[in-house]
């Protein structure tokens, strides 16, 4: 029983570490790369009224991560207005959008860094749902990944080029992950 408990502890810690790494070390740098290559007008462009702009997706990601991780697992006060994330039409500058997303991910990263891996199966009420911490974190990572892919697709459409996330001359090494170590996770 002692060995199983130690293995679960190691697995829980690894899950939290990998979740943090994906959010701040993989997805965020890709989003930053995309957004900095675009104009504010491109960031707020919509294919049609039913589609979301990159700007709306960035607001939505900030709201979702904050509500599920910072509030749901960390106990912060919930001030989210989900509908406003999608209703926003006025152009917000890219630096403002990226600052908001970075600040939210710093808070989420700190919440996950301090989260007791022994509580991953504990139940939390998040967005009106009863979910385990594990399920909540998985939701955020999956959700963030999905919208990162949408942002990448739109950025490729606008730039008509390679976004240079990886240096294939050096064996496919990610170019952008250094930010994780220097800016977010300390």
C-alpha atoms as a PDB file:
ATOM      1  CA  UNK A   1       0.000   0.000   0.000  1.00  0.00           C
ATOM      2  CA  UNK A   2       2.875   2.365   0.769  1.00  0.00           C
ATOM      3  CA  UNK A   3       4.320   1.875  -2.733  1.00  0.00           C
ATOM      4  CA  UNK A   4       0.941   2.570  -4.399  1.00  0.00           C
ATOM      5  CA  UNK A   5       0.536   5.749  -2.356  1.00  0.00           C
ATOM      6  CA  UNK A   6       4.016   6.941  -3.331  1.00  0.00           C
ATOM      7  CA  UNK A   7       3.335   6.142  -6.991  1.00  0.00           C
ATOM      8  CA  UNK A   8       0.041   8.077  -6.894  1.00  0.00           C
ATOM      9  CA  UNK A   9       1.838  10.990  -5.266  1.00  0.00           C
ATOM     10  CA  UNK A  10       4.485  10.962  -7.996  1.00  0.00           C
ATOM     11  CA  UNK A  11       1.819  10.677 -10.692  1.00  0.00           C
ATOM     12  CA  UNK A  12      -0.187  13.557  -9.217  1.00  0.00           C
ATOM     13  CA  UNK A  13       2.852  15.780  -9.024  1.00  0.00           C
ATOM     14  CA  UNK A  14       3.816  14.887 -12.597  1.00  0.00           C
ATOM     15  CA  UNK A  15       0.287  15.655 -13.810  1.00  0.00           C
ATOM     16  CA  UNK A  16       0.351  19.106 -12.224  1.00  0.00           C
ATOM     17  CA  UNK A  17       3.812  19.828 -13.594  1.00  0.00           C
ATOM     18  CA  UNK A  18       2.866  18.711 -17.111  1.00  0.00           C
ATOM     19  CA  UNK A  19      -0.359  20.741 -17.040  1.00  0.00           C
ATOM     20  CA  UNK A  20       1.587  23.845 -16.028  1.00  0.00           C
ATOM     21  CA  UNK A  21       4.182  23.185 -18.704  1.00  0.00           C
ATOM     22  CA  UNK A  22       1.596  22.831 -21.466  1.00  0.00           C
ATOM     23  CA  UNK A  23      -0.281  25.990 -20.515  1.00  0.00           C
ATOM     24  CA  UNK A  24       2.651  28.340 -19.996  1.00  0.00           C
ATOM     25  CA  UNK A  25       5.483  26.644 -21.850  1.00  0.00           C
ATOM     26  CA  UNK A  26       3.754  25.394 -24.977  1.00  0.00           C
ATOM     27  CA  UNK A  27       0.404  27.063 -25.655  1.00  0.00           C
ATOM     28  CA  UNK A  28       1.138  30.579 -24.387  1.00  0.00           C
ATOM     29  CA  UNK A  29       4.329  31.073 -26.438  1.00  0.00           C
ATOM     30  CA  UNK A  30       2.511  29.867 -29.559  1.00  0.00           C
ATOM     31  CA  UNK A  31      -0.333  32.294 -28.958  1.00  0.00           C
ATOM     32  CA  UNK A  32       2.144  35.110 -28.281  1.00  0.00           C
ATOM     33  CA  UNK A  33       3.959  34.325 -31.521  1.00  0.00           C
ATOM     34  CA  UNK A  34       0.725  34.369 -33.507  1.00  0.00           C
ATOM     35  CA  UNK A  35      -0.660  37.545 -31.988  1.00  0.00           C
ATOM     36  CA  UNK A  36       2.562  39.552 -32.345  1.00  0.00           C
ATOM     37  CA  UNK A  37       2.639  38.778 -36.076  1.00  0.00           C
ATOM     38  CA  UNK A  38      -0.826  40.251 -36.598  1.00  0.00           C
ATOM     39  CA  UNK A  39      -2.350  43.704 -36.661  1.00  0.00           C
ATOM     40  CA  UNK A  40      -5.072  44.669 -34.220  1.00  0.00           C
ATOM     41  CA  UNK A  41      -7.546  44.584 -37.114  1.00  0.00           C
ATOM     42  CA  UNK A  42      -6.541  41.004 -37.962  1.00  0.00           C
ATOM     43  CA  UNK A  43      -6.843  40.018 -34.301  1.00  0.00           C
ATOM     44  CA  UNK A  44     -10.435  41.274 -34.262  1.00  0.00           C
ATOM     45  CA  UNK A  45     -11.442  39.981 -37.710  1.00  0.00           C
ATOM     46  CA  UNK A  46     -14.391  37.565 -37.852  1.00  0.00           C
ATOM     47  CA  UNK A  47     -15.156  35.204 -40.714  1.00  0.00           C
ATOM     48  CA  UNK A  48     -18.869  35.723 -40.062  1.00  0.00           C
ATOM     49  CA  UNK A  49     -21.144  36.840 -37.201  1.00  0.00           C
ATOM     50  CA  UNK A  50     -21.225  33.323 -35.723  1.00  0.00           C
ATOM     51  CA  UNK A  51     -17.417  33.077 -35.590  1.00  0.00           C
ATOM     52  CA  UNK A  52     -15.089  34.392 -32.919  1.00  0.00           C
ATOM     53  CA  UNK A  53     -12.137  36.658 -33.502  1.00  0.00           C
ATOM     54  CA  UNK A  54      -8.719  35.903 -32.030  1.00  0.00           C
ATOM     55  CA  UNK A  55      -9.385  38.798 -29.652  1.00  0.00           C
ATOM     56  CA  UNK A  56     -12.560  37.140 -28.403  1.00  0.00           C
ATOM     57  CA  UNK A  57     -10.732  33.831 -28.011  1.00  0.00           C
ATOM     58  CA  UNK A  58      -8.018  35.504 -25.931  1.00  0.00           C
ATOM     59  CA  UNK A  59     -10.603  37.103 -23.653  1.00  0.00           C
ATOM     60  CA  UNK A  60     -12.389  33.765 -23.418  1.00  0.00           C
ATOM     61  CA  UNK A  61      -9.210  31.857 -22.545  1.00  0.00           C
ATOM     62  CA  UNK A  62      -8.407  34.361 -19.805  1.00  0.00           C
ATOM     63  CA  UNK A  63     -11.903  34.037 -18.391  1.00  0.00           C
ATOM     64  CA  UNK A  64     -11.993  30.256 -18.594  1.00  0.00           C
ATOM     65  CA  UNK A  65      -8.578  29.665 -16.997  1.00  0.00           C
ATOM     66  CA  UNK A  66      -9.307  32.142 -14.243  1.00  0.00           C
ATOM     67  CA  UNK A  67     -12.732  30.674 -13.478  1.00  0.00           C
ATOM     68  CA  UNK A  68     -11.665  27.020 -13.514  1.00  0.00           C
ATOM     69  CA  UNK A  69      -8.191  27.221 -11.937  1.00  0.00           C
ATOM     70  CA  UNK A  70      -7.735  30.497 -10.040  1.00  0.00           C
ATOM     71  CA  UNK A  71     -11.310  30.651  -8.743  1.00  0.00           C
ATOM     72  CA  UNK A  72     -12.430  27.021  -8.887  1.00  0.00           C
ATOM     73  CA  UNK A  73      -9.334  25.428  -7.374  1.00  0.00           C
ATOM     74  CA  UNK A  74      -7.663  28.446  -5.804  1.00  0.00           C
ATOM     75  CA  UNK A  75     -10.652  30.048  -4.117  1.00  0.00           C
ATOM     76  CA  UNK A  76     -10.370  33.535  -5.661  1.00  0.00           C
ATOM     77  CA  UNK A  77     -13.498  35.622  -6.161  1.00  0.00           C
ATOM     78  CA  UNK A  78     -15.333  34.904  -9.432  1.00  0.00           C
ATOM     79  CA  UNK A  79     -15.939  38.080 -11.432  1.00  0.00           C
ATOM     80  CA  UNK A  80     -16.231  36.442 -14.850  1.00  0.00           C
ATOM     81  CA  UNK A  81     -18.709  37.701 -17.423  1.00  0.00           C
ATOM     82  CA  UNK A  82     -18.495  34.901 -20.007  1.00  0.00           C
ATOM     83  CA  UNK A  83     -20.965  36.500 -22.420  1.00  0.00           C
ATOM     84  CA  UNK A  84     -18.891  39.687 -22.535  1.00  0.00           C
ATOM     85  CA  UNK A  85     -15.860  37.706 -23.737  1.00  0.00           C
ATOM     86  CA  UNK A  86     -17.734  36.857 -26.934  1.00  0.00           C
ATOM     87  CA  UNK A  87     -19.716  40.087 -27.236  1.00  0.00           C
ATOM     88  CA  UNK A  88     -16.601  42.303 -27.308  1.00  0.00           C
ATOM     89  CA  UNK A  89     -16.397  44.074 -30.668  1.00  0.00           C
ATOM     90  CA  UNK A  90     -14.363  47.148 -29.811  1.00  0.00           C
ATOM     91  CA  UNK A  91     -10.727  46.641 -30.754  1.00  0.00           C
ATOM     92  CA  UNK A  92      -8.491  46.093 -27.740  1.00  0.00           C
ATOM     93  CA  UNK A  93      -4.762  46.385 -28.554  1.00  0.00           C
ATOM     94  CA  UNK A  94      -2.787  43.158 -28.774  1.00  0.00           C
ATOM     95  CA  UNK A  95      -0.512  44.141 -25.879  1.00  0.00           C
ATOM     96  CA  UNK A  96      -3.561  44.538 -23.623  1.00  0.00           C
ATOM     97  CA  UNK A  97      -4.939  41.142 -24.632  1.00  0.00           C
ATOM     98  CA  UNK A  98      -1.581  39.419 -24.133  1.00  0.00           C
ATOM     99  CA  UNK A  99      -1.018  41.126 -20.778  1.00  0.00           C
ATOM    100  CA  UNK A 100      -4.407  39.920 -19.573  1.00  0.00           C
ATOM    101  CA  UNK A 101      -3.692  36.353 -20.727  1.00  0.00           C
ATOM    102  CA  UNK A 102      -0.180  36.324 -19.223  1.00  0.00           C
ATOM    103  CA  UNK A 103      -1.450  37.695 -15.905  1.00  0.00           C
ATOM    104  CA  UNK A 104      -4.175  35.048 -15.784  1.00  0.00           C
ATOM    105  CA  UNK A 105      -1.712  32.269 -16.579  1.00  0.00           C
ATOM    106  CA  UNK A 106       0.684  33.519 -13.889  1.00  0.00           C
ATOM    107  CA  UNK A 107      -2.144  33.291 -11.356  1.00  0.00           C
ATOM    108  CA  UNK A 108      -3.180  29.863 -12.627  1.00  0.00           C
ATOM    109  CA  UNK A 109       0.403  28.618 -12.629  1.00  0.00           C
ATOM    110  CA  UNK A 110       0.854  29.773  -9.040  1.00  0.00           C
ATOM    111  CA  UNK A 111      -2.419  28.107  -8.060  1.00  0.00           C
ATOM    112  CA  UNK A 112      -1.327  24.818  -9.630  1.00  0.00           C
ATOM    113  CA  UNK A 113       2.189  25.111  -8.164  1.00  0.00           C
ATOM    114  CA  UNK A 114       0.652  25.388  -4.689  1.00  0.00           C
ATOM    115  CA  UNK A 115      -2.108  22.839  -5.275  1.00  0.00           C
ATOM    116  CA  UNK A 116      -1.787  19.709  -3.126  1.00  0.00           C
ATOM    117  CA  UNK A 117      -1.577  16.788  -5.555  1.00  0.00           C
ATOM    118  CA  UNK A 118      -3.287  14.649  -2.898  1.00  0.00           C
ATOM    119  CA  UNK A 119      -6.455  16.687  -3.607  1.00  0.00           C
ATOM    120  CA  UNK A 120      -6.682  15.922  -7.333  1.00  0.00           C
ATOM    121  CA  UNK A 121      -9.690  13.653  -6.767  1.00  0.00           C
ATOM    122  CA  UNK A 122     -11.469  16.111  -4.439  1.00  0.00           C
ATOM    123  CA  UNK A 123     -14.702  17.564  -5.817  1.00  0.00           C
ATOM    124  CA  UNK A 124     -15.083  21.264  -6.608  1.00  0.00           C
ATOM    125  CA  UNK A 125     -18.006  23.283  -7.942  1.00  0.00           C
ATOM    126  CA  UNK A 126     -16.831  25.100 -11.056  1.00  0.00           C
ATOM    127  CA  UNK A 127     -19.126  26.877 -13.498  1.00  0.00           C
ATOM    128  CA  UNK A 128     -22.039  25.177 -11.756  1.00  0.00           C
ATOM    129  CA  UNK A 129     -20.579  21.691 -12.269  1.00  0.00           C
ATOM    130  CA  UNK A 130     -19.294  19.217  -9.690  1.00  0.00           C
ATOM    131  CA  UNK A 131     -15.902  18.087 -10.952  1.00  0.00           C
ATOM    132  CA  UNK A 132     -12.729  16.648  -9.519  1.00  0.00           C
ATOM    133  CA  UNK A 133      -9.680  18.888  -9.522  1.00  0.00           C
ATOM    134  CA  UNK A 134      -8.140  16.457 -12.009  1.00  0.00           C
ATOM    135  CA  UNK A 135     -11.110  16.817 -14.391  1.00  0.00           C
ATOM    136  CA  UNK A 136     -11.088  20.601 -13.979  1.00  0.00           C
ATOM    137  CA  UNK A 137      -7.405  20.861 -14.844  1.00  0.00           C
ATOM    138  CA  UNK A 138      -7.809  18.482 -17.785  1.00  0.00           C
ATOM    139  CA  UNK A 139     -10.706  20.602 -19.034  1.00  0.00           C
ATOM    140  CA  UNK A 140      -8.605  23.763 -18.935  1.00  0.00           C
ATOM    141  CA  UNK A 141      -5.608  22.189 -20.680  1.00  0.00           C
ATOM    142  CA  UNK A 142      -7.785  20.621 -23.401  1.00  0.00           C
ATOM    143  CA  UNK A 143      -9.860  23.779 -23.842  1.00  0.00           C
ATOM    144  CA  UNK A 144      -6.760  25.969 -24.046  1.00  0.00           C
ATOM    145  CA  UNK A 145      -5.223  23.609 -26.598  1.00  0.00           C
ATOM    146  CA  UNK A 146      -8.319  23.686 -28.798  1.00  0.00           C
ATOM    147  CA  UNK A 147      -8.463  27.480 -28.910  1.00  0.00           C
ATOM    148  CA  UNK A 148      -4.693  27.710 -29.399  1.00  0.00           C
ATOM    149  CA  UNK A 149      -5.178  25.622 -32.541  1.00  0.00           C
ATOM    150  CA  UNK A 150      -7.884  27.989 -33.780  1.00  0.00           C
ATOM    151  CA  UNK A 151      -5.605  30.976 -33.183  1.00  0.00           C
ATOM    152  CA  UNK A 152      -2.758  29.236 -35.030  1.00  0.00           C
ATOM    153  CA  UNK A 153      -5.021  28.492 -37.999  1.00  0.00           C
ATOM    154  CA  UNK A 154      -6.150  32.110 -38.234  1.00  0.00           C
ATOM    155  CA  UNK A 155      -2.583  33.404 -37.855  1.00  0.00           C
ATOM    156  CA  UNK A 156      -1.402  31.105 -40.658  1.00  0.00           C
ATOM    157  CA  UNK A 157      -4.255  32.332 -42.820  1.00  0.00           C
ATOM    158  CA  UNK A 158      -3.248  35.963 -42.292  1.00  0.00           C
ATOM    159  CA  UNK A 159       0.533  35.550 -42.466  1.00  0.00           C
ATOM    160  CA  UNK A 160       0.516  32.940 -45.240  1.00  0.00           C
ATOM    161  CA  UNK A 161       3.696  31.491 -43.802  1.00  0.00           C
ATOM    162  CA  UNK A 162       5.373  29.231 -41.288  1.00  0.00           C
ATOM    163  CA  UNK A 163       4.970  30.498 -37.749  1.00  0.00           C
ATOM    164  CA  UNK A 164       8.362  28.968 -36.861  1.00  0.00           C
ATOM    165  CA  UNK A 165       7.425  27.254 -33.616  1.00  0.00           C
ATOM    166  CA  UNK A 166      10.080  24.582 -34.143  1.00  0.00           C
ATOM    167  CA  UNK A 167      13.631  24.595 -35.438  1.00  0.00           C
ATOM    168  CA  UNK A 168      13.680  21.489 -37.629  1.00  0.00           C
ATOM    169  CA  UNK A 169      17.311  22.070 -38.553  1.00  0.00           C
ATOM    170  CA  UNK A 170      18.124  21.339 -34.903  1.00  0.00           C
ATOM    171  CA  UNK A 171      15.934  18.252 -34.680  1.00  0.00           C
ATOM    172  CA  UNK A 172      12.507  19.824 -34.154  1.00  0.00           C
ATOM    173  CA  UNK A 173      13.432  21.651 -30.960  1.00  0.00           C
ATOM    174  CA  UNK A 174      10.696  24.059 -29.857  1.00  0.00           C
ATOM    175  CA  UNK A 175      11.930  27.616 -30.399  1.00  0.00           C
ATOM    176  CA  UNK A 176       9.538  29.339 -28.026  1.00  0.00           C
ATOM    177  CA  UNK A 177       9.586  27.310 -24.781  1.00  0.00           C
ATOM    178  CA  UNK A 178      12.375  29.319 -23.146  1.00  0.00           C
ATOM    179  CA  UNK A 179       9.696  31.778 -21.964  1.00  0.00           C
ATOM    180  CA  UNK A 180       8.298  29.152 -19.627  1.00  0.00           C
ATOM    181  CA  UNK A 181      11.486  28.991 -17.621  1.00  0.00           C
ATOM    182  CA  UNK A 182      12.314  32.680 -17.629  1.00  0.00           C
ATOM    183  CA  UNK A 183       8.992  34.472 -17.328  1.00  0.00           C
ATOM    184  CA  UNK A 184       6.269  32.356 -15.794  1.00  0.00           C
ATOM    185  CA  UNK A 185       7.408  29.332 -13.816  1.00  0.00           C
ATOM    186  CA  UNK A 186       9.952  30.274 -11.195  1.00  0.00           C
END
